[in-house]
Amino acid sequence: MVIVLAVTSIGVYALSSYRTIVTVTPISVSSINGENELEVKVLINYGPFGGTSPLSDAEVWVSGPSGIVAQNATNPHGIVTFQLPSGDYTVLVTVLHETIKVHLTQSEQIEIDYAYLYK
């Protein structure tokens, strides 16, 4: 009985912290022709006991005030990069329906740790 309660408690705690996490961090990449690098890294998180894997071939769209300005697919490591001037952008990972807004003033990485089993 005690073992069942302990395992249940651990499972409840692990699942309560299971959610999609988006982080935006500066990266040290020099600007090219006045444009910044925006790196998008997409990871699929299969839960506390399933691990994390990069999502390859995911379409990523970047839009600005005038519409879509760039699009490309992630590589086998779940990464896609864009060269963009400073400004406000919306990044969409189409297959996940995950949208992130970013104010780009320097080179940055957006990492999406997507909780696959979370509803």
N, C-alpha and C. Protein backbone atom coordinates (compact mmCIF):
# COMPACT_ATOMS: atom_id res chain seq x y z
N MET A 1 0.83 -1.19 0.00
CA MET A 1 0.00 0.00 0.00
C MET A 1 0.87 1.26 0.00
N VAL A 2 1.92 1.27 0.82
CA VAL A 2 2.80 2.42 0.90
C VAL A 2 3.51 2.64 -0.43
N ILE A 3 3.90 1.55 -1.07
CA ILE A 3 4.59 1.65 -2.36
C ILE A 3 3.65 2.25 -3.41
N VAL A 4 2.43 1.83 -3.43
CA VAL A 4 1.44 2.37 -4.39
C VAL A 4 1.25 3.86 -4.17
N LEU A 5 1.14 4.28 -2.93
CA LEU A 5 0.98 5.71 -2.63
C LEU A 5 2.22 6.50 -3.04
N ALA A 6 3.40 5.95 -2.80
CA ALA A 6 4.64 6.63 -3.16
C ALA A 6 4.75 6.78 -4.68
N VAL A 7 4.47 5.71 -5.41
CA VAL A 7 4.54 5.76 -6.88
C VAL A 7 3.50 6.73 -7.43
N THR A 8 2.31 6.71 -6.87
CA THR A 8 1.25 7.63 -7.31
C THR A 8 1.65 9.07 -7.05
N SER A 9 2.21 9.34 -5.90
CA SER A 9 2.64 10.70 -5.56
C SER A 9 3.72 11.20 -6.51
N ILE A 10 4.68 10.33 -6.83
CA ILE A 10 5.75 10.71 -7.77
C ILE A 10 5.15 10.99 -9.14
N GLY A 11 4.23 10.15 -9.58
CA GLY A 11 3.59 10.35 -10.89
C GLY A 11 2.80 11.64 -10.96
N VAL A 12 2.05 11.93 -9.92
CA VAL A 12 1.27 13.18 -9.88
C VAL A 12 2.20 14.38 -9.91
N TYR A 13 3.30 14.34 -9.14
CA TYR A 13 4.25 15.45 -9.14
C TYR A 13 4.88 15.62 -10.51
N ALA A 14 5.31 14.52 -11.14
CA ALA A 14 5.97 14.59 -12.45
C ALA A 14 5.01 15.15 -13.49
N LEU A 15 3.77 14.70 -13.49
CA LEU A 15 2.80 15.18 -14.47
C LEU A 15 2.39 16.63 -14.23
N SER A 16 2.42 17.08 -12.99
CA SER A 16 2.01 18.46 -12.71
C SER A 16 3.00 19.48 -13.27
N SER A 17 4.24 19.06 -13.49
CA SER A 17 5.24 19.97 -14.05
C SER A 17 5.41 19.78 -15.55
N TYR A 18 4.61 18.90 -16.15
CA TYR A 18 4.71 18.58 -17.57
C TYR A 18 3.86 19.55 -18.38
N ARG A 19 4.54 20.43 -19.12
CA ARG A 19 3.84 21.42 -19.95
C ARG A 19 4.80 21.92 -21.02
N THR A 20 4.27 22.60 -22.02
CA THR A 20 5.11 23.19 -23.06
C THR A 20 5.86 24.39 -22.48
N ILE A 21 7.16 24.44 -22.75
CA ILE A 21 7.99 25.53 -22.25
C ILE A 21 8.66 26.20 -23.45
N VAL A 22 8.52 27.52 -23.53
CA VAL A 22 9.16 28.30 -24.59
C VAL A 22 10.16 29.25 -23.93
N THR A 23 11.41 29.20 -24.39
CA THR A 23 12.42 30.12 -23.88
C THR A 23 13.02 30.89 -25.05
N VAL A 24 13.26 32.16 -24.83
CA VAL A 24 13.92 33.01 -25.81
C VAL A 24 15.19 33.54 -25.16
N THR A 25 16.33 33.22 -25.77
CA THR A 25 17.61 33.64 -25.20
C THR A 25 18.51 34.23 -26.28
N PRO A 26 19.31 35.22 -25.91
CA PRO A 26 20.28 35.77 -26.86
C PRO A 26 21.34 34.73 -27.20
N ILE A 27 21.81 34.76 -28.45
CA ILE A 27 22.93 33.90 -28.85
C ILE A 27 24.03 34.79 -29.40
N SER A 28 25.25 34.34 -29.27
CA SER A 28 26.39 35.16 -29.71
C SER A 28 26.76 34.82 -31.15
N VAL A 29 25.97 35.37 -32.06
CA VAL A 29 26.23 35.24 -33.49
C VAL A 29 26.26 36.65 -34.05
N SER A 30 27.27 36.96 -34.82
CA SER A 30 27.38 38.30 -35.40
C SER A 30 26.30 38.54 -36.44
N SER A 31 25.80 39.77 -36.47
CA SER A 31 24.82 40.11 -37.48
C SER A 31 25.49 40.16 -38.85
N ILE A 32 24.74 39.77 -39.87
CA ILE A 32 25.22 39.76 -41.25
C ILE A 32 24.42 40.79 -42.02
N ASN A 33 25.13 41.77 -42.59
CA ASN A 33 24.46 42.85 -43.35
C ASN A 33 23.37 43.53 -42.54
N GLY A 34 23.61 43.71 -41.24
CA GLY A 34 22.64 44.39 -40.38
C GLY A 34 21.45 43.53 -39.98
N GLU A 35 21.48 42.25 -40.31
CA GLU A 35 20.37 41.37 -39.94
C GLU A 35 20.80 40.45 -38.80
N ASN A 36 19.84 40.08 -37.99
CA ASN A 36 20.08 39.21 -36.84
C ASN A 36 19.69 37.78 -37.20
N GLU A 37 20.32 36.84 -36.51
CA GLU A 37 19.95 35.44 -36.70
C GLU A 37 18.88 35.07 -35.69
N LEU A 38 17.82 34.48 -36.19
CA LEU A 38 16.78 33.93 -35.33
C LEU A 38 16.83 32.42 -35.52
N GLU A 39 17.21 31.73 -34.46
CA GLU A 39 17.29 30.27 -34.48
C GLU A 39 16.09 29.72 -33.73
N VAL A 40 15.37 28.82 -34.37
CA VAL A 40 14.21 28.19 -33.74
C VAL A 40 14.55 26.71 -33.55
N LYS A 41 14.46 26.26 -32.30
CA LYS A 41 14.74 24.86 -31.98
C LYS A 41 13.47 24.24 -31.42
N VAL A 42 13.04 23.14 -32.05
CA VAL A 42 11.79 22.50 -31.66
C VAL A 42 12.08 21.10 -31.11
N LEU A 43 11.67 20.90 -29.87
CA LEU A 43 11.84 19.62 -29.20
C LEU A 43 10.46 19.07 -28.83
N ILE A 44 10.30 17.76 -28.97
CA ILE A 44 9.06 17.11 -28.55
C ILE A 44 9.35 16.40 -27.24
N ASN A 45 8.56 16.73 -26.23
CA ASN A 45 8.72 16.17 -24.90
C ASN A 45 7.62 15.13 -24.70
N TYR A 46 8.02 13.86 -24.55
CA TYR A 46 7.06 12.77 -24.42
C TYR A 46 6.68 12.46 -22.99
N GLY A 47 6.94 13.36 -22.09
CA GLY A 47 6.52 13.18 -20.71
C GLY A 47 7.67 12.82 -19.80
N PRO A 48 7.37 12.75 -18.52
CA PRO A 48 8.42 12.53 -17.52
C PRO A 48 9.21 11.24 -17.73
N PHE A 49 8.59 10.25 -18.37
CA PHE A 49 9.27 8.97 -18.52
C PHE A 49 9.56 8.64 -19.98
N GLY A 50 9.22 9.54 -20.91
CA GLY A 50 9.37 9.26 -22.34
C GLY A 50 10.53 9.96 -23.02
N GLY A 51 11.11 10.97 -22.39
CA GLY A 51 12.26 11.65 -22.96
C GLY A 51 11.88 12.76 -23.93
N THR A 52 12.91 13.37 -24.52
CA THR A 52 12.76 14.49 -25.43
C THR A 52 13.51 14.19 -26.72
N SER A 53 12.90 14.55 -27.86
CA SER A 53 13.53 14.34 -29.17
C SER A 53 13.37 15.58 -30.02
N PRO A 54 14.36 15.89 -30.89
CA PRO A 54 14.19 17.02 -31.81
C PRO A 54 13.13 16.69 -32.85
N LEU A 55 12.41 17.70 -33.30
CA LEU A 55 11.39 17.53 -34.32
C LEU A 55 11.96 17.98 -35.66
N SER A 56 12.22 17.02 -36.55
CA SER A 56 12.77 17.37 -37.86
C SER A 56 11.65 17.56 -38.88
N ASP A 57 11.95 18.31 -39.93
CA ASP A 57 11.04 18.57 -41.04
C ASP A 57 9.76 19.30 -40.64
N ALA A 58 9.82 20.06 -39.55
CA ALA A 58 8.66 20.86 -39.13
C ALA A 58 8.71 22.21 -39.84
N GLU A 59 7.63 22.58 -40.49
CA GLU A 59 7.55 23.88 -41.16
C GLU A 59 7.45 24.99 -40.12
N VAL A 60 8.32 25.98 -40.25
CA VAL A 60 8.31 27.14 -39.35
C VAL A 60 8.12 28.38 -40.22
N TRP A 61 7.11 29.15 -39.89
CA TRP A 61 6.83 30.39 -40.61
C TRP A 61 7.15 31.56 -39.69
N VAL A 62 7.75 32.59 -40.29
CA VAL A 62 8.01 33.83 -39.56
C VAL A 62 7.25 34.94 -40.28
N SER A 63 6.41 35.64 -39.53
CA SER A 63 5.66 36.74 -40.14
C SER A 63 5.92 38.03 -39.39
N GLY A 64 5.83 39.11 -40.15
CA GLY A 64 5.98 40.45 -39.61
C GLY A 64 4.70 41.22 -39.87
N PRO A 65 4.74 42.53 -39.75
CA PRO A 65 3.54 43.35 -39.95
C PRO A 65 2.94 43.20 -41.35
N SER A 66 3.78 42.86 -42.34
CA SER A 66 3.28 42.77 -43.72
C SER A 66 2.99 41.33 -44.16
N GLY A 67 3.01 40.38 -43.24
CA GLY A 67 2.71 38.99 -43.59
C GLY A 67 3.93 38.10 -43.42
N ILE A 68 3.89 36.94 -44.06
CA ILE A 68 4.98 35.97 -43.93
C ILE A 68 6.23 36.51 -44.61
N VAL A 69 7.33 36.55 -43.86
CA VAL A 69 8.60 37.07 -44.40
C VAL A 69 9.61 35.96 -44.64
N ALA A 70 9.42 34.79 -44.00
CA ALA A 70 10.35 33.68 -44.20
C ALA A 70 9.67 32.39 -43.76
N GLN A 71 10.09 31.30 -44.39
CA GLN A 71 9.64 29.98 -43.96
C GLN A 71 10.66 28.95 -44.36
N ASN A 72 10.78 27.93 -43.53
CA ASN A 72 11.73 26.86 -43.79
C ASN A 72 11.38 25.70 -42.85
N ALA A 73 12.05 24.57 -43.02
CA ALA A 73 11.79 23.40 -42.20
C ALA A 73 12.98 23.14 -41.28
N THR A 74 12.70 22.55 -40.13
CA THR A 74 13.76 22.21 -39.19
C THR A 74 14.63 21.07 -39.73
N ASN A 75 15.89 21.07 -39.33
CA ASN A 75 16.82 20.03 -39.74
C ASN A 75 16.67 18.81 -38.81
N PRO A 76 17.48 17.76 -38.98
CA PRO A 76 17.36 16.58 -38.12
C PRO A 76 17.58 16.87 -36.63
N HIS A 77 18.19 18.00 -36.30
CA HIS A 77 18.40 18.39 -34.91
C HIS A 77 17.27 19.26 -34.37
N GLY A 78 16.22 19.46 -35.20
CA GLY A 78 15.07 20.27 -34.79
C GLY A 78 15.31 21.76 -34.87
N ILE A 79 16.31 22.18 -35.66
CA ILE A 79 16.71 23.59 -35.71
C ILE A 79 16.52 24.16 -37.11
N VAL A 80 16.04 25.39 -37.16
CA VAL A 80 15.97 26.16 -38.39
C VAL A 80 16.42 27.58 -38.06
N THR A 81 17.15 28.22 -38.98
CA THR A 81 17.63 29.58 -38.72
C THR A 81 17.14 30.53 -39.81
N PHE A 82 16.96 31.77 -39.41
CA PHE A 82 16.53 32.83 -40.32
C PHE A 82 17.41 34.05 -40.09
N GLN A 83 17.69 34.81 -41.14
CA GLN A 83 18.37 36.09 -41.04
C GLN A 83 17.32 37.18 -41.23
N LEU A 84 17.12 38.01 -40.19
CA LEU A 84 16.04 38.99 -40.20
C LEU A 84 16.52 40.33 -39.66
N PRO A 85 15.98 41.43 -40.20
CA PRO A 85 16.28 42.73 -39.59
C PRO A 85 15.58 42.85 -38.23
N SER A 86 16.01 43.77 -37.43
CA SER A 86 15.36 43.99 -36.14
C SER A 86 13.88 44.31 -36.36
N GLY A 87 13.05 43.86 -35.44
CA GLY A 87 11.62 44.13 -35.55
C GLY A 87 10.80 43.14 -34.75
N ASP A 88 9.49 43.26 -34.90
CA ASP A 88 8.54 42.38 -34.21
C ASP A 88 8.10 41.28 -35.16
N TYR A 89 8.16 40.05 -34.68
CA TYR A 89 7.83 38.89 -35.51
C TYR A 89 6.96 37.91 -34.73
N THR A 90 6.20 37.15 -35.50
CA THR A 90 5.45 36.03 -34.96
C THR A 90 6.00 34.78 -35.62
N VAL A 91 6.36 33.81 -34.79
CA VAL A 91 6.91 32.55 -35.27
C VAL A 91 5.85 31.48 -35.07
N LEU A 92 5.56 30.70 -36.12
CA LEU A 92 4.56 29.65 -36.06
C LEU A 92 5.20 28.33 -36.45
N VAL A 93 5.12 27.34 -35.58
CA VAL A 93 5.49 25.97 -35.92
C VAL A 93 4.18 25.31 -36.35
N THR A 94 4.02 25.15 -37.65
CA THR A 94 2.71 24.81 -38.21
C THR A 94 2.13 23.51 -37.67
N VAL A 95 2.92 22.45 -37.60
CA VAL A 95 2.41 21.15 -37.18
C VAL A 95 1.96 21.14 -35.72
N LEU A 96 2.54 21.99 -34.91
CA LEU A 96 2.19 22.05 -33.49
C LEU A 96 1.15 23.13 -33.19
N HIS A 97 0.89 24.01 -34.15
CA HIS A 97 -0.01 25.15 -33.94
C HIS A 97 0.49 26.01 -32.78
N GLU A 98 1.81 26.08 -32.64
CA GLU A 98 2.44 26.84 -31.55
C GLU A 98 2.95 28.17 -32.10
N THR A 99 2.49 29.27 -31.52
CA THR A 99 2.85 30.61 -31.98
C THR A 99 3.60 31.35 -30.88
N ILE A 100 4.70 31.99 -31.28
CA ILE A 100 5.51 32.76 -30.34
C ILE A 100 5.75 34.13 -30.94
N LYS A 101 5.57 35.17 -30.14
CA LYS A 101 5.88 36.53 -30.57
C LYS A 101 7.26 36.90 -30.04
N VAL A 102 8.06 37.56 -30.87
CA VAL A 102 9.41 37.94 -30.47
C VAL A 102 9.71 39.34 -30.98
N HIS A 103 10.36 40.14 -30.14
CA HIS A 103 10.87 41.46 -30.53
C HIS A 103 12.37 41.28 -30.74
N LEU A 104 12.78 41.21 -32.00
CA LEU A 104 14.16 40.88 -32.35
C LEU A 104 15.00 42.15 -32.45
N THR A 105 15.99 42.28 -31.56
CA THR A 105 16.92 43.40 -31.60
C THR A 105 18.36 42.91 -31.66
N GLN A 106 18.53 41.58 -31.50
CA GLN A 106 19.84 40.94 -31.55
C GLN A 106 19.60 39.48 -31.96
N SER A 107 20.64 38.74 -32.21
CA SER A 107 20.49 37.33 -32.55
C SER A 107 19.95 36.58 -31.33
N GLU A 108 18.93 35.75 -31.58
CA GLU A 108 18.27 35.04 -30.48
C GLU A 108 17.90 33.62 -30.89
N GLN A 109 17.74 32.78 -29.86
CA GLN A 109 17.25 31.43 -30.06
C GLN A 109 15.90 31.31 -29.36
N ILE A 110 14.94 30.75 -30.07
CA ILE A 110 13.67 30.37 -29.46
C ILE A 110 13.71 28.85 -29.34
N GLU A 111 13.57 28.36 -28.12
CA GLU A 111 13.50 26.91 -27.93
C GLU A 111 12.10 26.56 -27.46
N ILE A 112 11.47 25.66 -28.20
CA ILE A 112 10.14 25.20 -27.86
C ILE A 112 10.26 23.75 -27.40
N ASP A 113 10.00 23.52 -26.13
CA ASP A 113 10.00 22.18 -25.55
C ASP A 113 8.52 21.80 -25.44
N TYR A 114 8.02 21.16 -26.49
CA TYR A 114 6.57 20.94 -26.65
C TYR A 114 6.12 19.69 -25.89
N ALA A 115 5.16 19.88 -25.00
CA ALA A 115 4.59 18.76 -24.22
C ALA A 115 3.62 18.00 -25.10
N TYR A 116 4.10 16.92 -25.70
CA TYR A 116 3.32 16.16 -26.69
C TYR A 116 2.06 15.54 -26.12
N LEU A 117 2.12 15.05 -24.91
CA LEU A 117 0.99 14.33 -24.33
C LEU A 117 0.07 15.21 -23.51
N TYR A 118 0.37 16.50 -23.44
CA TYR A 118 -0.40 17.41 -22.58
C TYR A 118 -1.61 17.96 -23.32
N LYS A 119 -2.72 18.00 -22.67
CA LYS A 119 -3.94 18.60 -23.25
C LYS A 119 -4.46 19.67 -22.34
